[in-house]
Structures are given as C-alpha cells and as structure tokens.
Protein backbone atom coordinates (compact mmCIF):
# COMPACT_ATOMS: atom_id res chain seq x y z
CA UNK A 1 22.56 9.93 18.15
CA UNK A 2 18.72 9.61 17.62
CA UNK A 3 17.56 7.16 15.16
CA UNK A 4 15.72 9.89 14.04
CA UNK A 5 18.63 11.30 12.89
CA UNK A 6 19.49 8.33 10.73
CA UNK A 7 19.68 8.58 6.92
CA UNK A 8 17.02 5.61 6.69
CA UNK A 9 14.62 7.42 9.02
CA UNK A 10 15.06 10.63 6.66
CA UNK A 11 14.30 8.30 3.84
CA UNK A 12 11.18 6.74 4.92
CA UNK A 13 9.72 10.02 5.94
CA UNK A 14 10.63 11.51 2.85
CA UNK A 15 9.18 8.59 1.01
CA UNK A 16 5.99 8.94 3.05
CA UNK A 17 5.34 11.94 2.01
CA UNK A 18 6.17 11.71 -1.69
CA UNK A 19 3.58 8.93 -1.76
CA UNK A 20 0.99 10.67 0.06
CA UNK A 21 1.35 13.64 -1.89
CA UNK A 22 1.49 11.78 -5.50
CA UNK A 23 -1.89 9.85 -4.35
CA UNK A 24 -3.40 12.84 -3.12
CA UNK A 25 -2.49 14.57 -6.34
CA UNK A 26 -3.80 11.79 -8.29
CA UNK A 27 -7.23 11.90 -6.30
CA UNK A 28 -7.36 15.48 -6.87
CA UNK A 29 -7.07 15.16 -10.84
CA UNK A 30 -9.79 12.41 -10.86
CA UNK A 31 -12.01 14.38 -8.93
CA UNK A 32 -11.76 17.61 -10.92
CA UNK A 33 -10.74 16.33 -14.53
CA UNK A 34 -13.16 16.18 -17.29
CA UNK A 35 -11.00 13.97 -18.80
CA UNK A 36 -11.58 10.85 -16.86
CA UNK A 37 -9.62 9.42 -13.84
CA UNK A 38 -6.59 7.56 -13.46
CA UNK A 39 -8.20 5.23 -11.07
CA UNK A 40 -6.01 2.35 -12.17
CA UNK A 41 -3.05 4.29 -11.62
CA UNK A 42 -3.83 5.28 -8.31
CA UNK A 43 -4.84 1.36 -7.36
CA UNK A 44 -1.54 0.10 -8.85
CA UNK A 45 0.40 2.61 -6.68
CA UNK A 46 -1.26 2.00 -3.64
CA UNK A 47 -0.46 -1.92 -4.17
CA UNK A 48 2.75 -1.24 -4.88
CA UNK A 49 3.23 1.00 -1.88
CA UNK A 50 1.66 -1.45 0.57
CA UNK A 51 4.10 -3.82 -0.59
CA UNK A 52 7.12 -1.32 -0.05
CA UNK A 53 5.84 -0.89 3.44
CA UNK A 54 5.80 -4.65 4.00
CA UNK A 55 9.39 -4.96 2.79
CA UNK A 56 10.29 -2.23 5.18
CA UNK A 57 8.69 -3.28 8.37
CA UNK A 58 9.48 -6.57 7.68
CA UNK A 59 13.61 -6.09 7.04
CA UNK A 60 13.31 -7.85 3.59
CA UNK A 61 15.18 -6.34 0.60
CA UNK A 62 13.73 -8.41 -2.18
CA UNK A 63 11.75 -11.53 -2.66
CA UNK A 64 9.03 -12.47 -0.67
CA UNK A 65 6.42 -9.90 -2.29
CA UNK A 66 3.46 -11.98 -0.89
CA UNK A 67 4.42 -12.03 2.58
CA UNK A 68 5.42 -8.46 2.81
CA UNK A 69 2.21 -7.51 0.75
CA UNK A 70 0.08 -9.32 3.25
CA UNK A 71 2.04 -8.26 6.43
CA UNK A 72 1.48 -4.56 5.73
CA UNK A 73 -2.19 -5.13 4.27
CA UNK A 74 -3.10 -6.61 7.63
CA UNK A 75 -1.80 -3.48 9.52
CA UNK A 76 -4.28 -1.27 7.58
CA UNK A 77 -7.04 -2.94 9.59
CA UNK A 78 -9.03 -6.19 10.45
CA UNK A 79 -11.36 -6.26 7.51
CA UNK A 80 -8.07 -6.74 5.12
CA UNK A 81 -6.82 -9.56 7.32
CA UNK A 82 -10.58 -11.23 6.94
CA UNK A 83 -9.83 -11.25 3.46
CA UNK A 84 -6.53 -13.17 3.58
CA UNK A 85 -7.88 -15.39 6.73
CA UNK A 86 -11.09 -16.03 4.25
CA UNK A 87 -8.90 -17.01 1.57
CA UNK A 88 -9.48 -14.35 -1.13
CA UNK A 89 -6.26 -14.18 -3.20
CA UNK A 90 -5.86 -10.41 -2.52
CA UNK A 91 -2.40 -10.38 -3.64
CA UNK A 92 -2.44 -12.34 -6.64
CA UNK A 93 -5.72 -10.74 -7.96
CA UNK A 94 -5.10 -7.49 -6.96
CA UNK A 95 -1.49 -6.55 -6.73
CA UNK A 96 -0.14 -8.86 -9.35
CA UNK A 97 -3.01 -8.06 -11.70
CA UNK A 98 -2.57 -4.25 -11.30
CA UNK A 99 1.39 -4.57 -11.50
CA UNK A 100 1.48 -7.16 -14.62
CA UNK A 101 -1.73 -6.89 -16.34
CA UNK A 102 -2.87 -3.36 -15.19
CA UNK A 103 -6.15 -4.95 -14.13
CA UNK A 104 -7.26 -6.49 -11.20
CA UNK A 105 -7.06 -10.51 -12.37
CA UNK A 106 -11.05 -11.09 -11.92
CA UNK A 107 -13.98 -9.27 -12.02
CA UNK A 108 -13.50 -6.05 -10.54
CA UNK A 109 -14.12 -2.13 -10.17
CA UNK A 110 -12.18 0.58 -9.27
CA UNK A 111 -14.08 3.24 -7.55
CA UNK A 112 -12.78 6.75 -6.42
CA UNK A 113 -14.95 6.46 -3.43
CA UNK A 114 -15.47 4.99 0.09
CA UNK A 115 -16.64 1.41 1.26
CA UNK A 116 -16.62 -0.35 4.52
CA UNK A 117 -12.96 -1.46 3.44
CA UNK A 118 -10.49 -0.57 1.02
CA UNK A 119 -11.30 -3.70 -0.77
CA UNK A 120 -14.33 -5.32 -0.75
CA UNK A 121 -15.60 -8.46 -2.26
CA UNK A 122 -19.06 -8.17 -4.09
CA UNK A 123 -20.17 -11.99 -3.56
CA UNK A 124 -23.26 -11.27 -5.33
CA UNK A 125 -21.70 -10.27 -8.47
CA UNK A 126 -18.69 -12.40 -8.13
CA UNK A 127 -16.48 -9.18 -8.40
CA UNK A 128 -13.88 -7.41 -6.18
CA UNK A 129 -14.47 -3.66 -5.23
CA UNK A 130 -11.25 -1.51 -4.62
CA UNK A 131 -12.47 1.59 -3.18
CA UNK A 132 -9.50 3.92 -3.35
CA UNK A 133 -10.58 6.55 -0.71
CA UNK A 134 -11.03 4.17 1.82
CA UNK A 135 -7.78 1.93 0.75
CA UNK A 136 -5.57 5.39 0.94
CA UNK A 137 -7.28 6.50 4.27
CA UNK A 138 -6.57 3.29 5.87
CA UNK A 139 -2.75 2.92 4.31
CA UNK A 140 -1.99 6.34 5.55
CA UNK A 141 -3.29 5.27 9.26
CA UNK A 142 -1.00 2.19 8.96
CA UNK A 143 1.90 4.10 7.79
CA UNK A 144 1.91 6.84 10.56
CA UNK A 145 1.58 4.26 13.16
CA UNK A 146 4.43 2.41 11.70
CA UNK A 147 6.34 5.32 11.73
CA UNK A 148 5.46 6.89 14.90
CA UNK A 149 6.03 3.34 16.80
CA UNK A 150 9.66 3.03 15.15
CA UNK A 151 12.25 1.76 17.92
CA UNK A 152 15.94 1.47 17.58
CA UNK A 153 15.80 -2.04 17.03
CA UNK A 154 13.53 -1.65 13.62
CA UNK A 155 16.44 0.52 12.36
CA UNK A 156 18.21 -2.78 11.88
CA UNK A 157 15.62 -3.90 9.52
CA UNK A 158 15.27 -0.82 7.61
CA UNK A 159 19.00 -1.12 7.00
CA UNK A 160 18.42 -4.65 5.61
CA UNK A 161 15.29 -3.60 3.42
CA UNK A 162 17.39 -0.79 1.78
CA UNK A 163 20.59 -2.98 1.56
CA UNK A 164 21.76 -2.02 -2.09
CA UNK A 165 18.94 0.13 -2.43
CA UNK A 166 18.99 4.20 -2.93
CA UNK A 167 17.65 6.03 -0.15
CA UNK A 168 15.94 9.58 -0.48
CA UNK A 169 18.47 12.33 0.66
C-alpha cells in the first residue's frame, strides 16, 4: 500500500487545499472590496498555518509551538531563517501578537503586497512589516516541497502529530 493512500496523507493534502483556498479568497476579497481588507485576519491565518505545518513536519501533537513555528518558517527560505538567527522575536511579536492580541506586538504594518521577504524589519522606523503576498507565495512553496518530499518514515511523524486530533476525510 502506498502511503499516498493513507488517511493522514489524504488529510494533509485536503488541509493544504483548504488553506490555500481560504487565503486566496481572502486576498481576492481584500483586492476587490470597497469595504476594506481583512489584512489582520490573513496574517493571522498564515501565522497559524505556519505553526500547523511545523507541528506536522516535526510530529508534535501539542506544545512546543515556538519550535514548530520557527521550524516551518525556516523552510520558507533563508530570509526567514536570518530573522530568527538575527534575534528578532518573530514568534512572539508576530505569531503570538496576532493570535492573542489581534495585532503584531510591536510597531508594524500588514500590507497586501510584496517585499523581499514575507516579514521584514524596517529598522529606520523600528517596525515589522508583514508582506502578505510574499509570505503566502513562500508558504505555498514550502508546503508543496514538504508534501512532495514525503517518505514512508514521515507518515509516522504525521501520525504522532495527528494523535487524538480529527483528520479531514
């Protein structure tokens, strides 16, 4: 039996499609709406999705959120890794700020646009900039690379991450 017939594999491919579609629809709404953009919600969703894929790829069902978030953020590219290596508290300020306070927990701007990285630091103005389009593009690449590179041994980690959690069927 191929692991691609596994309910865990099927669930994560469905999760990927749901996530991509939700974010793409929200971006479309933001671009085409006269009532304003849901930039905060999009950034919040992307941050939570980043942690989800980190938990999945590391096989962690709960706890260790910072490690999981950082792990998958680093899969999104060297610029994200550099933010962490340079000591910027991306997890605390961005992810936790959005999740717990509905704001990035420092001077910030969330743009429906592109930048050299999905999260940049504007040192001149002492602020974080969340570039939604760039982040989403980098996120999709990292998720696709993860799924396309799965091997049998990864299924065991997936099962650990899904332990006692619902799966999409």
